[in-house]
Amino acid sequence: MNLIKARIGAIDAASVTVTSPDIATLVLPKANVAAAVGDEVTIGLRPHHLTLGGRPDIMGRVSLVERLGNETIAAVELGSGQQIIAALPGDVTVSVGDTLHLQTQAGHASLFLENGMAA
C-alpha cells in the first residue's frame, strides 16, 4: 500500500477532504471520522487503485518500470521525493523519465489518523 501524508481540510457527515503537496485535494467517502480540520493523516492507496486518465489526482516521474505481461508496475517519484507504486494495464506504454498523471479511486482509499488507527 502506498502511504501519503496529508492534512484534513474539511469534514462533513459523509466525507473527509484531504490535501497534500503530493496530491490534489481528495474527497474521501468516510463518515463519522474522529478527527478535526488541520489534523495530519495518512492516506493509503493500493497500487491497483491508481489509474491513468480521468481527472489526475497525483502527478510524478516514472523511476522504474517492470512489465509483467498482464500488468505493468511503475515506481513513480512524487514532487516531495516520495516514491509510490502504480499497477497499470500490461499493454500501457510507459518509460523511465515519463511524467504520469494518476487518478485515485477515492472510495478505495484508506485513511489513518495520527495515532495510526484507521478512520
PDB file of N, CA and C in Angstrom:
ATOM      1  N   MET A   1       0.850  -1.170   0.000  1.00  0.00           N
ATOM      2  CA  MET A   1       0.000   0.000   0.000  1.00  0.00           C
ATOM      3  C   MET A   1       0.897   1.235   0.000  1.00  0.00           C
ATOM      4  N   ASN A   2       0.534   2.200  -0.817  1.00  0.00           N
ATOM      5  CA  ASN A   2       1.214   3.487  -0.839  1.00  0.00           C
ATOM      6  C   ASN A   2       0.667   4.333   0.304  1.00  0.00           C
ATOM      7  N   LEU A   3       1.547   4.929   1.084  1.00  0.00           N
ATOM      8  CA  LEU A   3       1.138   5.757   2.216  1.00  0.00           C
ATOM      9  C   LEU A   3       1.619   7.176   1.972  1.00  0.00           C
ATOM     10  N   ILE A   4       0.680   8.113   1.948  1.00  0.00           N
ATOM     11  CA  ILE A   4       0.991   9.507   1.652  1.00  0.00           C
ATOM     12  C   ILE A   4       0.483  10.385   2.799  1.00  0.00           C
ATOM     13  N   LYS A   5       1.371  11.201   3.342  1.00  0.00           N
ATOM     14  CA  LYS A   5       0.993  12.126   4.409  1.00  0.00           C
ATOM     15  C   LYS A   5       0.104  13.227   3.840  1.00  0.00           C
ATOM     16  N   ALA A   6      -0.920  13.595   4.598  1.00  0.00           N
ATOM     17  CA  ALA A   6      -1.856  14.637   4.162  1.00  0.00           C
ATOM     18  C   ALA A   6      -2.389  15.353   5.396  1.00  0.00           C
ATOM     19  N   ARG A   7      -3.223  16.339   5.149  1.00  0.00           N
ATOM     20  CA  ARG A   7      -3.837  17.108   6.228  1.00  0.00           C
ATOM     21  C   ARG A   7      -5.336  17.215   5.918  1.00  0.00           C
ATOM     22  N   ILE A   8      -6.159  17.132   6.953  1.00  0.00           N
ATOM     23  CA  ILE A   8      -7.599  17.255   6.774  1.00  0.00           C
ATOM     24  C   ILE A   8      -7.942  18.717   6.500  1.00  0.00           C
ATOM     25  N   GLY A   9      -8.640  18.945   5.393  1.00  0.00           N
ATOM     26  CA  GLY A   9      -9.059  20.284   5.016  1.00  0.00           C
ATOM     27  C   GLY A   9     -10.500  20.574   5.370  1.00  0.00           C
ATOM     28  N   ALA A  10     -11.330  19.524   5.399  1.00  0.00           N
ATOM     29  CA  ALA A  10     -12.755  19.689   5.723  1.00  0.00           C
ATOM     30  C   ALA A  10     -13.332  18.332   6.115  1.00  0.00           C
ATOM     31  N   ILE A  11     -14.356  18.388   6.948  1.00  0.00           N
ATOM     32  CA  ILE A  11     -15.076  17.180   7.363  1.00  0.00           C
ATOM     33  C   ILE A  11     -16.554  17.505   7.337  1.00  0.00           C
ATOM     34  N   ASP A  12     -17.348  16.574   6.787  1.00  0.00           N
ATOM     35  CA  ASP A  12     -18.798  16.694   6.923  1.00  0.00           C
ATOM     36  C   ASP A  12     -19.346  15.324   7.300  1.00  0.00           C
ATOM     37  N   ALA A  13     -20.647  15.180   7.307  1.00  0.00           N
ATOM     38  CA  ALA A  13     -21.264  13.947   7.798  1.00  0.00           C
ATOM     39  C   ALA A  13     -20.911  12.717   6.974  1.00  0.00           C
ATOM     40  N   ALA A  14     -20.559  12.894   5.709  1.00  0.00           N
ATOM     41  CA  ALA A  14     -20.332  11.735   4.845  1.00  0.00           C
ATOM     42  C   ALA A  14     -18.941  11.662   4.233  1.00  0.00           C
ATOM     43  N   SER A  15     -18.108  12.688   4.450  1.00  0.00           N
ATOM     44  CA  SER A  15     -16.815  12.680   3.772  1.00  0.00           C
ATOM     45  C   SER A  15     -15.752  13.478   4.521  1.00  0.00           C
ATOM     46  N   VAL A  16     -14.512  13.218   4.118  1.00  0.00           N
ATOM     47  CA  VAL A  16     -13.361  13.944   4.630  1.00  0.00           C
ATOM     48  C   VAL A  16     -12.585  14.451   3.427  1.00  0.00           C
ATOM     49  N   THR A  17     -12.239  15.720   3.421  1.00  0.00           N
ATOM     50  CA  THR A  17     -11.424  16.289   2.352  1.00  0.00           C
ATOM     51  C   THR A  17     -10.000  16.408   2.861  1.00  0.00           C
ATOM     52  N   VAL A  18      -9.051  15.856   2.094  1.00  0.00           N
ATOM     53  CA  VAL A  18      -7.647  15.897   2.498  1.00  0.00           C
ATOM     54  C   VAL A  18      -6.820  16.593   1.428  1.00  0.00           C
ATOM     55  N   THR A  19      -5.733  17.206   1.870  1.00  0.00           N
ATOM     56  CA  THR A  19      -4.830  17.892   0.952  1.00  0.00           C
ATOM     57  C   THR A  19      -3.393  17.510   1.295  1.00  0.00           C
ATOM     58  N   SER A  20      -2.541  17.616   0.289  1.00  0.00           N
ATOM     59  CA  SER A  20      -1.126  17.305   0.452  1.00  0.00           C
ATOM     60  C   SER A  20      -0.376  17.939  -0.702  1.00  0.00           C
ATOM     61  N   PRO A  21       0.885  18.291  -0.509  1.00  0.00           N
ATOM     62  CA  PRO A  21       1.662  18.808  -1.634  1.00  0.00           C
ATOM     63  C   PRO A  21       1.804  17.801  -2.777  1.00  0.00           C
ATOM     64  N   ASP A  22       1.693  16.503  -2.458  1.00  0.00           N
ATOM     65  CA  ASP A  22       1.889  15.470  -3.469  1.00  0.00           C
ATOM     66  C   ASP A  22       0.625  15.032  -4.211  1.00  0.00           C
ATOM     67  N   ILE A  23      -0.530  15.430  -3.716  1.00  0.00           N
ATOM     68  CA  ILE A  23      -1.780  15.005  -4.350  1.00  0.00           C
ATOM     69  C   ILE A  23      -2.722  16.192  -4.481  1.00  0.00           C
ATOM     70  N   ALA A  24      -3.669  16.067  -5.387  1.00  0.00           N
ATOM     71  CA  ALA A  24      -4.732  17.067  -5.485  1.00  0.00           C
ATOM     72  C   ALA A  24      -5.633  16.908  -4.259  1.00  0.00           C
ATOM     73  N   THR A  25      -6.522  17.833  -4.063  1.00  0.00           N
ATOM     74  CA  THR A  25      -7.492  17.707  -2.984  1.00  0.00           C
ATOM     75  C   THR A  25      -8.365  16.491  -3.257  1.00  0.00           C
ATOM     76  N   LEU A  26      -8.443  15.601  -2.282  1.00  0.00           N
ATOM     77  CA  LEU A  26      -9.256  14.389  -2.420  1.00  0.00           C
ATOM     78  C   LEU A  26     -10.408  14.430  -1.435  1.00  0.00           C
ATOM     79  N   VAL A  27     -11.581  14.045  -1.912  1.00  0.00           N
ATOM     80  CA  VAL A  27     -12.747  13.899  -1.036  1.00  0.00           C
ATOM     81  C   VAL A  27     -12.950  12.404  -0.847  1.00  0.00           C
ATOM     82  N   LEU A  28     -12.738  11.959   0.382  1.00  0.00           N
ATOM     83  CA  LEU A  28     -12.858  10.540   0.697  1.00  0.00           C
ATOM     84  C   LEU A  28     -14.207  10.276   1.355  1.00  0.00           C
ATOM     85  N   PRO A  29     -14.934   9.273   0.874  1.00  0.00           N
ATOM     86  CA  PRO A  29     -16.251   8.967   1.464  1.00  0.00           C
ATOM     87  C   PRO A  29     -16.094   8.235   2.802  1.00  0.00           C
ATOM     88  N   LYS A  30     -15.837   9.003   3.841  1.00  0.00           N
ATOM     89  CA  LYS A  30     -15.651   8.456   5.191  1.00  0.00           C
ATOM     90  C   LYS A  30     -16.597   9.182   6.133  1.00  0.00           C
ATOM     91  N   ALA A  31     -17.430   8.443   6.843  1.00  0.00           N
ATOM     92  CA  ALA A  31     -18.394   9.046   7.773  1.00  0.00           C
ATOM     93  C   ALA A  31     -17.897   8.917   9.206  1.00  0.00           C
ATOM     94  N   ASN A  32     -18.280   9.866  10.037  1.00  0.00           N
ATOM     95  CA  ASN A  32     -18.005   9.820  11.478  1.00  0.00           C
ATOM     96  C   ASN A  32     -16.527   9.655  11.806  1.00  0.00           C
ATOM     97  N   VAL A  33     -15.687  10.451  11.185  1.00  0.00           N
ATOM     98  CA  VAL A  33     -14.250  10.387  11.442  1.00  0.00           C
ATOM     99  C   VAL A  33     -13.931  11.162  12.714  1.00  0.00           C
ATOM    100  N   ALA A  34     -13.195  10.529  13.604  1.00  0.00           N
ATOM    101  CA  ALA A  34     -12.831  11.155  14.880  1.00  0.00           C
ATOM    102  C   ALA A  34     -11.556  11.972  14.707  1.00  0.00           C
ATOM    103  N   ALA A  35     -11.656  13.035  13.946  1.00  0.00           N
ATOM    104  CA  ALA A  35     -10.510  13.913  13.680  1.00  0.00           C
ATOM    105  C   ALA A  35     -11.042  15.320  13.475  1.00  0.00           C
ATOM    106  N   ALA A  36     -10.118  16.263  13.370  1.00  0.00           N
ATOM    107  CA  ALA A  36     -10.500  17.668  13.205  1.00  0.00           C
ATOM    108  C   ALA A  36      -9.797  18.258  11.989  1.00  0.00           C
ATOM    109  N   VAL A  37     -10.361  19.329  11.481  1.00  0.00           N
ATOM    110  CA  VAL A  37      -9.726  20.055  10.385  1.00  0.00           C
ATOM    111  C   VAL A  37      -8.329  20.474  10.838  1.00  0.00           C
ATOM    112  N   GLY A  38      -7.351  20.235   9.967  1.00  0.00           N
ATOM    113  CA  GLY A  38      -5.968  20.562  10.276  1.00  0.00           C
ATOM    114  C   GLY A  38      -5.152  19.392  10.780  1.00  0.00           C
ATOM    115  N   ASP A  39      -5.813  18.320  11.201  1.00  0.00           N
ATOM    116  CA  ASP A  39      -5.083  17.145  11.692  1.00  0.00           C
ATOM    117  C   ASP A  39      -4.279  16.501  10.567  1.00  0.00           C
ATOM    118  N   GLU A  40      -3.102  15.986  10.927  1.00  0.00           N
ATOM    119  CA  GLU A  40      -2.314  15.216   9.977  1.00  0.00           C
ATOM    120  C   GLU A  40      -2.869  13.805   9.913  1.00  0.00           C
ATOM    121  N   VAL A  41      -2.946  13.280   8.709  1.00  0.00           N
ATOM    122  CA  VAL A  41      -3.422  11.923   8.472  1.00  0.00           C
ATOM    123  C   VAL A  41      -2.514  11.273   7.434  1.00  0.00           C
ATOM    124  N   THR A  42      -2.709   9.990   7.231  1.00  0.00           N
ATOM    125  CA  THR A  42      -2.005   9.267   6.185  1.00  0.00           C
ATOM    126  C   THR A  42      -3.048   8.626   5.289  1.00  0.00           C
ATOM    127  N   ILE A  43      -2.901   8.821   3.998  1.00  0.00           N
ATOM    128  CA  ILE A  43      -3.808   8.214   3.021  1.00  0.00           C
ATOM    129  C   ILE A  43      -3.153   6.943   2.511  1.00  0.00           C
ATOM    130  N   GLY A  44      -3.894   5.863   2.489  1.00  0.00           N
ATOM    131  CA  GLY A  44      -3.407   4.600   1.956  1.00  0.00           C
ATOM    132  C   GLY A  44      -4.053   4.325   0.610  1.00  0.00           C
ATOM    133  N   LEU A  45      -3.228   4.183  -0.417  1.00  0.00           N
ATOM    134  CA  LEU A  45      -3.720   3.911  -1.776  1.00  0.00           C
ATOM    135  C   LEU A  45      -3.043   2.655  -2.310  1.00  0.00           C
ATOM    136  N   ARG A  46      -3.823   1.662  -2.630  1.00  0.00           N
ATOM    137  CA  ARG A  46      -3.247   0.434  -3.196  1.00  0.00           C
ATOM    138  C   ARG A  46      -2.824   0.686  -4.642  1.00  0.00           C
ATOM    139  N   PRO A  47      -1.721   0.077  -5.068  1.00  0.00           N
ATOM    140  CA  PRO A  47      -1.228   0.276  -6.430  1.00  0.00           C
ATOM    141  C   PRO A  47      -2.280  -0.014  -7.516  1.00  0.00           C
ATOM    142  N   HIS A  48      -3.157  -0.974  -7.274  1.00  0.00           N
ATOM    143  CA  HIS A  48      -4.189  -1.326  -8.264  1.00  0.00           C
ATOM    144  C   HIS A  48      -5.357  -0.347  -8.271  1.00  0.00           C
ATOM    145  N   HIS A  49      -5.379   0.586  -7.330  1.00  0.00           N
ATOM    146  CA  HIS A  49      -6.438   1.596  -7.282  1.00  0.00           C
ATOM    147  C   HIS A  49      -5.973   2.944  -7.817  1.00  0.00           C
ATOM    148  N   LEU A  50      -4.857   2.942  -8.540  1.00  0.00           N
ATOM    149  CA  LEU A  50      -4.367   4.117  -9.250  1.00  0.00           C
ATOM    150  C   LEU A  50      -4.494   3.842 -10.734  1.00  0.00           C
ATOM    151  N   THR A  51      -5.107   4.749 -11.466  1.00  0.00           N
ATOM    152  CA  THR A  51      -5.336   4.534 -12.894  1.00  0.00           C
ATOM    153  C   THR A  51      -4.856   5.732 -13.702  1.00  0.00           C
ATOM    154  N   LEU A  52      -4.586   5.485 -14.964  1.00  0.00           N
ATOM    155  CA  LEU A  52      -4.227   6.559 -15.887  1.00  0.00           C
ATOM    156  C   LEU A  52      -5.498   7.189 -16.438  1.00  0.00           C
ATOM    157  N   GLY A  53      -5.426   8.473 -16.748  1.00  0.00           N
ATOM    158  CA  GLY A  53      -6.568   9.146 -17.370  1.00  0.00           C
ATOM    159  C   GLY A  53      -7.521   9.719 -16.352  1.00  0.00           C
ATOM    160  N   GLY A  54      -8.593  10.297 -16.877  1.00  0.00           N
ATOM    161  CA  GLY A  54      -9.558  10.945 -15.992  1.00  0.00           C
ATOM    162  C   GLY A  54      -8.968  12.211 -15.406  1.00  0.00           C
ATOM    163  N   ARG A  55      -9.510  12.641 -14.301  1.00  0.00           N
ATOM    164  CA  ARG A  55      -9.016  13.829 -13.604  1.00  0.00           C
ATOM    165  C   ARG A  55      -7.849  13.399 -12.728  1.00  0.00           C
ATOM    166  N   PRO A  56      -6.627  13.828 -13.071  1.00  0.00           N
ATOM    167  CA  PRO A  56      -5.472  13.354 -12.299  1.00  0.00           C
ATOM    168  C   PRO A  56      -5.439  13.920 -10.880  1.00  0.00           C
ATOM    169  N   ASP A  57      -5.161  13.040  -9.926  1.00  0.00           N
ATOM    170  CA  ASP A  57      -5.032  13.428  -8.523  1.00  0.00           C
ATOM    171  C   ASP A  57      -3.565  13.466  -8.099  1.00  0.00           C
ATOM    172  N   ILE A  58      -2.744  12.692  -8.804  1.00  0.00           N
ATOM    173  CA  ILE A  58      -1.336  12.552  -8.449  1.00  0.00           C
ATOM    174  C   ILE A  58      -0.510  12.666  -9.725  1.00  0.00           C
ATOM    175  N   MET A  59       0.590  13.390  -9.624  1.00  0.00           N
ATOM    176  CA  MET A  59       1.487  13.504 -10.764  1.00  0.00           C
ATOM    177  C   MET A  59       2.896  13.207 -10.285  1.00  0.00           C
ATOM    178  N   GLY A  60       3.638  12.441 -11.083  1.00  0.00           N
ATOM    179  CA  GLY A  60       5.010  12.139 -10.708  1.00  0.00           C
ATOM    180  C   GLY A  60       5.792  11.615 -11.890  1.00  0.00           C
ATOM    181  N   ARG A  61       7.089  11.446 -11.665  1.00  0.00           N
ATOM    182  CA  ARG A  61       8.000  10.987 -12.706  1.00  0.00           C
ATOM    183  C   ARG A  61       8.295   9.507 -12.502  1.00  0.00           C
ATOM    184  N   VAL A  62       8.231   8.742 -13.576  1.00  0.00           N
ATOM    185  CA  VAL A  62       8.480   7.306 -13.526  1.00  0.00           C
ATOM    186  C   VAL A  62       9.968   7.064 -13.283  1.00  0.00           C
ATOM    187  N   SER A  63      10.269   6.281 -12.235  1.00  0.00           N
ATOM    188  CA  SER A  63      11.665   5.977 -11.921  1.00  0.00           C
ATOM    189  C   SER A  63      12.020   4.513 -12.188  1.00  0.00           C
ATOM    190  N   LEU A  64      11.021   3.661 -12.376  1.00  0.00           N
ATOM    191  CA  LEU A  64      11.258   2.250 -12.636  1.00  0.00           C
ATOM    192  C   LEU A  64      10.025   1.665 -13.310  1.00  0.00           C
ATOM    193  N   VAL A  65      10.232   0.789 -14.273  1.00  0.00           N
ATOM    194  CA  VAL A  65       9.125   0.111 -14.949  1.00  0.00           C
ATOM    195  C   VAL A  65       9.419  -1.384 -14.950  1.00  0.00           C
ATOM    196  N   GLU A  66       8.430  -2.178 -14.559  1.00  0.00           N
ATOM    197  CA  GLU A  66       8.548  -3.629 -14.615  1.00  0.00           C
ATOM    198  C   GLU A  66       7.329  -4.172 -15.353  1.00  0.00           C
ATOM    199  N   ARG A  67       7.573  -4.721 -16.525  1.00  0.00           N
ATOM    200  CA  ARG A  67       6.493  -5.276 -17.346  1.00  0.00           C
ATOM    201  C   ARG A  67       6.315  -6.752 -16.990  1.00  0.00           C
ATOM    202  N   LEU A  68       5.121  -7.099 -16.549  1.00  0.00           N
ATOM    203  CA  LEU A  68       4.845  -8.457 -16.096  1.00  0.00           C
ATOM    204  C   LEU A  68       3.918  -9.226 -17.033  1.00  0.00           C
ATOM    205  N   GLY A  69       3.590  -8.641 -18.166  1.00  0.00           N
ATOM    206  CA  GLY A  69       2.670  -9.280 -19.100  1.00  0.00           C
ATOM    207  C   GLY A  69       1.262  -8.789 -18.896  1.00  0.00           C
ATOM    208  N   ASN A  70       0.598  -9.272 -17.846  1.00  0.00           N
ATOM    209  CA  ASN A  70      -0.787  -8.872 -17.594  1.00  0.00           C
ATOM    210  C   ASN A  70      -0.887  -7.484 -16.972  1.00  0.00           C
ATOM    211  N   GLU A  71       0.222  -6.995 -16.400  1.00  0.00           N
ATOM    212  CA  GLU A  71       0.229  -5.656 -15.835  1.00  0.00           C
ATOM    213  C   GLU A  71       1.642  -5.081 -15.903  1.00  0.00           C
ATOM    214  N   THR A  72       1.703  -3.777 -15.770  1.00  0.00           N
ATOM    215  CA  THR A  72       2.977  -3.070 -15.734  1.00  0.00           C
ATOM    216  C   THR A  72       3.054  -2.348 -14.402  1.00  0.00           C
ATOM    217  N   ILE A  73       4.124  -2.601 -13.665  1.00  0.00           N
ATOM    218  CA  ILE A  73       4.336  -1.945 -12.380  1.00  0.00           C
ATOM    219  C   ILE A  73       5.248  -0.748 -12.620  1.00  0.00           C
ATOM    220  N   ALA A  74       4.820   0.418 -12.159  1.00  0.00           N
ATOM    221  CA  ALA A  74       5.618   1.633 -12.310  1.00  0.00           C
ATOM    222  C   ALA A  74       5.883   2.239 -10.935  1.00  0.00           C
ATOM    223  N   ALA A  75       7.145   2.521 -10.663  1.00  0.00           N
ATOM    224  CA  ALA A  75       7.506   3.300  -9.484  1.00  0.00           C
ATOM    225  C   ALA A  75       7.476   4.758  -9.914  1.00  0.00           C
ATOM    226  N   VAL A  76       6.777   5.566  -9.150  1.00  0.00           N
ATOM    227  CA  VAL A  76       6.562   6.964  -9.517  1.00  0.00           C
ATOM    228  C   VAL A  76       7.074   7.855  -8.391  1.00  0.00           C
ATOM    229  N   GLU A  77       7.976   8.769  -8.721  1.00  0.00           N
ATOM    230  CA  GLU A  77       8.514   9.696  -7.733  1.00  0.00           C
ATOM    231  C   GLU A  77       7.675  10.966  -7.722  1.00  0.00           C
ATOM    232  N   LEU A  78       7.155  11.290  -6.554  1.00  0.00           N
ATOM    233  CA  LEU A  78       6.312  12.466  -6.394  1.00  0.00           C
ATOM    234  C   LEU A  78       7.188  13.704  -6.195  1.00  0.00           C
ATOM    235  N   GLY A  79       6.570  14.863  -6.193  1.00  0.00           N
ATOM    236  CA  GLY A  79       7.298  16.118  -6.045  1.00  0.00           C
ATOM    237  C   GLY A  79       8.137  16.203  -4.788  1.00  0.00           C
ATOM    238  N   SER A  80       7.677  15.574  -3.714  1.00  0.00           N
ATOM    239  CA  SER A  80       8.397  15.603  -2.439  1.00  0.00           C
ATOM    240  C   SER A  80       9.591  14.665  -2.416  1.00  0.00           C
ATOM    241  N   GLY A  81       9.682  13.823  -3.444  1.00  0.00           N
ATOM    242  CA  GLY A  81      10.723  12.801  -3.468  1.00  0.00           C
ATOM    243  C   GLY A  81      10.218  11.441  -3.021  1.00  0.00           C
ATOM    244  N   GLN A  82       9.019  11.398  -2.438  1.00  0.00           N
ATOM    245  CA  GLN A  82       8.441  10.121  -2.031  1.00  0.00           C
ATOM    246  C   GLN A  82       8.134   9.290  -3.264  1.00  0.00           C
ATOM    247  N   GLN A  83       8.304   8.001  -3.145  1.00  0.00           N
ATOM    248  CA  GLN A  83       8.009   7.098  -4.252  1.00  0.00           C
ATOM    249  C   GLN A  83       6.747   6.296  -3.950  1.00  0.00           C
ATOM    250  N   ILE A  84       5.885   6.150  -4.958  1.00  0.00           N
ATOM    251  CA  ILE A  84       4.714   5.290  -4.851  1.00  0.00           C
ATOM    252  C   ILE A  84       4.759   4.283  -5.990  1.00  0.00           C
ATOM    253  N   ILE A  85       3.936   3.258  -5.891  1.00  0.00           N
ATOM    254  CA  ILE A  85       3.859   2.216  -6.903  1.00  0.00           C
ATOM    255  C   ILE A  85       2.466   2.231  -7.523  1.00  0.00           C
ATOM    256  N   ALA A  86       2.424   2.144  -8.854  1.00  0.00           N
ATOM    257  CA  ALA A  86       1.154   2.048  -9.579  1.00  0.00           C
ATOM    258  C   ALA A  86       1.160   0.755 -10.384  1.00  0.00           C
ATOM    259  N   ALA A  87       0.083  -0.006 -10.304  1.00  0.00           N
ATOM    260  CA  ALA A  87      -0.091  -1.214 -11.102  1.00  0.00           C
ATOM    261  C   ALA A  87      -0.986  -0.843 -12.278  1.00  0.00           C
ATOM    262  N   LEU A  88      -0.412  -0.830 -13.466  1.00  0.00           N
ATOM    263  CA  LEU A  88      -1.098  -0.361 -14.670  1.00  0.00           C
ATOM    264  C   LEU A  88      -1.382  -1.533 -15.603  1.00  0.00           C
ATOM    265  N   PRO A  89      -2.245  -1.346 -16.603  1.00  0.00           N
ATOM    266  CA  PRO A  89      -2.504  -2.418 -17.559  1.00  0.00           C
ATOM    267  C   PRO A  89      -1.203  -2.880 -18.242  1.00  0.00           C
ATOM    268  N   GLY A  90      -1.160  -4.140 -18.619  1.00  0.00           N
ATOM    269  CA  GLY A  90       0.043  -4.708 -19.214  1.00  0.00           C
ATOM    270  C   GLY A  90       0.441  -4.096 -20.533  1.00  0.00           C
ATOM    271  N   ASP A  91      -0.517  -3.549 -21.272  1.00  0.00           N
ATOM    272  CA  ASP A  91      -0.212  -3.007 -22.594  1.00  0.00           C
ATOM    273  C   ASP A  91       0.066  -1.511 -22.589  1.00  0.00           C
ATOM    274  N   VAL A  92       0.166  -0.896 -21.406  1.00  0.00           N
ATOM    275  CA  VAL A  92       0.411   0.541 -21.327  1.00  0.00           C
ATOM    276  C   VAL A  92       1.854   0.833 -21.746  1.00  0.00           C
ATOM    277  N   THR A  93       2.035   1.943 -22.462  1.00  0.00           N
ATOM    278  CA  THR A  93       3.364   2.368 -22.876  1.00  0.00           C
ATOM    279  C   THR A  93       3.851   3.426 -21.903  1.00  0.00           C
ATOM    280  N   VAL A  94       4.810   3.049 -21.076  1.00  0.00           N
ATOM    281  CA  VAL A  94       5.378   3.976 -20.094  1.00  0.00           C
ATOM    282  C   VAL A  94       6.870   3.666 -19.973  1.00  0.00           C
ATOM    283  N   SER A  95       7.660   4.718 -19.850  1.00  0.00           N
ATOM    284  CA  SER A  95       9.111   4.563 -19.770  1.00  0.00           C
ATOM    285  C   SER A  95       9.668   5.373 -18.609  1.00  0.00           C
ATOM    286  N   VAL A  96      10.848   4.989 -18.146  1.00  0.00           N
ATOM    287  CA  VAL A  96      11.534   5.741 -17.105  1.00  0.00           C
ATOM    288  C   VAL A  96      11.717   7.184 -17.594  1.00  0.00           C
ATOM    289  N   GLY A  97      11.399   8.127 -16.723  1.00  0.00           N
ATOM    290  CA  GLY A  97      11.501   9.541 -17.055  1.00  0.00           C
ATOM    291  C   GLY A  97      10.185  10.168 -17.483  1.00  0.00           C
ATOM    292  N   ASP A  98       9.210   9.341 -17.867  1.00  0.00           N
ATOM    293  CA  ASP A  98       7.891   9.867 -18.245  1.00  0.00           C
ATOM    294  C   ASP A  98       7.205  10.490 -17.032  1.00  0.00           C
ATOM    295  N   THR A  99       6.361  11.476 -17.275  1.00  0.00           N
ATOM    296  CA  THR A  99       5.509  12.026 -16.233  1.00  0.00           C
ATOM    297  C   THR A  99       4.166  11.322 -16.315  1.00  0.00           C
ATOM    298  N   LEU A 100       3.727  10.758 -15.200  1.00  0.00           N
ATOM    299  CA  LEU A 100       2.431  10.080 -15.156  1.00  0.00           C
ATOM    300  C   LEU A 100       1.437  10.944 -14.391  1.00  0.00           C
ATOM    301  N   HIS A 101       0.222  10.975 -14.900  1.00  0.00           N
ATOM    302  CA  HIS A 101      -0.900  11.632 -14.242  1.00  0.00           C
ATOM    303  C   HIS A 101      -1.844  10.514 -13.819  1.00  0.00           C
ATOM    304  N   LEU A 102      -1.929  10.287 -12.523  1.00  0.00           N
ATOM    305  CA  LEU A 102      -2.702   9.169 -11.987  1.00  0.00           C
ATOM    306  C   LEU A 102      -3.967   9.656 -11.298  1.00  0.00           C
ATOM    307  N   GLN A 103      -5.014   8.883 -11.463  1.00  0.00           N
ATOM    308  CA  GLN A 103      -6.279   9.161 -10.789  1.00  0.00           C
ATOM    309  C   GLN A 103      -6.461   8.125  -9.685  1.00  0.00           C
ATOM    310  N   THR A 104      -6.926   8.581  -8.543  1.00  0.00           N
ATOM    311  CA  THR A 104      -7.192   7.663  -7.433  1.00  0.00           C
ATOM    312  C   THR A 104      -8.637   7.194  -7.491  1.00  0.00           C
ATOM    313  N   GLN A 105      -8.889   6.088  -6.875  1.00  0.00           N
ATOM    314  CA  GLN A 105     -10.261   5.631  -6.663  1.00  0.00           C
ATOM    315  C   GLN A 105     -10.551   5.931  -5.195  1.00  0.00           C
ATOM    316  N   ALA A 106     -11.030   7.144  -4.944  1.00  0.00           N
ATOM    317  CA  ALA A 106     -11.182   7.654  -3.578  1.00  0.00           C
ATOM    318  C   ALA A 106     -12.006   6.728  -2.689  1.00  0.00           C
ATOM    319  N   GLY A 107     -12.954   6.034  -3.254  1.00  0.00           N
ATOM    320  CA  GLY A 107     -13.775   5.116  -2.470  1.00  0.00           C
ATOM    321  C   GLY A 107     -12.996   3.934  -1.923  1.00  0.00           C
ATOM    322  N   HIS A 108     -11.835   3.669  -2.504  1.00  0.00           N
ATOM    323  CA  HIS A 108     -10.996   2.563  -2.049  1.00  0.00           C
ATOM    324  C   HIS A 108      -9.837   3.031  -1.166  1.00  0.00           C
ATOM    325  N   ALA A 109      -9.693   4.331  -0.984  1.00  0.00           N
ATOM    326  CA  ALA A 109      -8.580   4.853  -0.193  1.00  0.00           C
ATOM    327  C   ALA A 109      -8.803   4.572   1.291  1.00  0.00           C
ATOM    328  N   SER A 110      -7.717   4.295   1.983  1.00  0.00           N
ATOM    329  CA  SER A 110      -7.763   4.142   3.437  1.00  0.00           C
ATOM    330  C   SER A 110      -7.307   5.451   4.058  1.00  0.00           C
ATOM    331  N   LEU A 111      -7.811   5.732   5.237  1.00  0.00           N
ATOM    332  CA  LEU A 111      -7.448   6.947   5.952  1.00  0.00           C
ATOM    333  C   LEU A 111      -6.998   6.540   7.349  1.00  0.00           C
ATOM    334  N   PHE A 112      -5.765   6.931   7.700  1.00  0.00           N
ATOM    335  CA  PHE A 112      -5.213   6.607   9.006  1.00  0.00           C
ATOM    336  C   PHE A 112      -4.996   7.898   9.786  1.00  0.00           C
ATOM    337  N   LEU A 113      -5.434   7.891  11.023  1.00  0.00           N
ATOM    338  CA  LEU A 113      -5.286   9.062  11.881  1.00  0.00           C
ATOM    339  C   LEU A 113      -3.866   9.153  12.421  1.00  0.00           C
ATOM    340  N   GLU A 114      -3.555  10.267  13.096  1.00  0.00           N
ATOM    341  CA  GLU A 114      -2.201  10.486  13.630  1.00  0.00           C
ATOM    342  C   GLU A 114      -1.741   9.344  14.548  1.00  0.00           C
ATOM    343  N   ASN A 115      -2.679   8.721  15.256  1.00  0.00           N
ATOM    344  CA  ASN A 115      -2.323   7.639  16.170  1.00  0.00           C
ATOM    345  C   ASN A 115      -2.148   6.296  15.451  1.00  0.00           C
ATOM    346  N   GLY A 116      -2.302   6.289  14.127  1.00  0.00           N
ATOM    347  CA  GLY A 116      -2.119   5.069  13.341  1.00  0.00           C
ATOM    348  C   GLY A 116      -3.381   4.253  13.153  1.00  0.00           C
ATOM    349  N   MET A 117      -4.448   4.630  13.822  1.00  0.00           N
ATOM    350  CA  MET A 117      -5.710   3.894  13.709  1.00  0.00           C
ATOM    351  C   MET A 117      -6.427   4.260  12.419  1.00  0.00           C
ATOM    352  N   ALA A 118      -7.089   3.280  11.816  1.00  0.00           N
ATOM    353  CA  ALA A 118      -7.865   3.531  10.604  1.00  0.00           C
ATOM    354  C   ALA A 118      -9.111   4.319  10.956  1.00  0.00           C
ATOM    355  N   ALA A 119      -9.456   5.265  10.089  1.00  0.00           N
ATOM    356  CA  ALA A 119     -10.651   6.072  10.303  1.00  0.00           C
ATOM    357  C   ALA A 119     -11.851   5.390   9.687  1.00  0.00           C
TER     358      ALA A 119
END
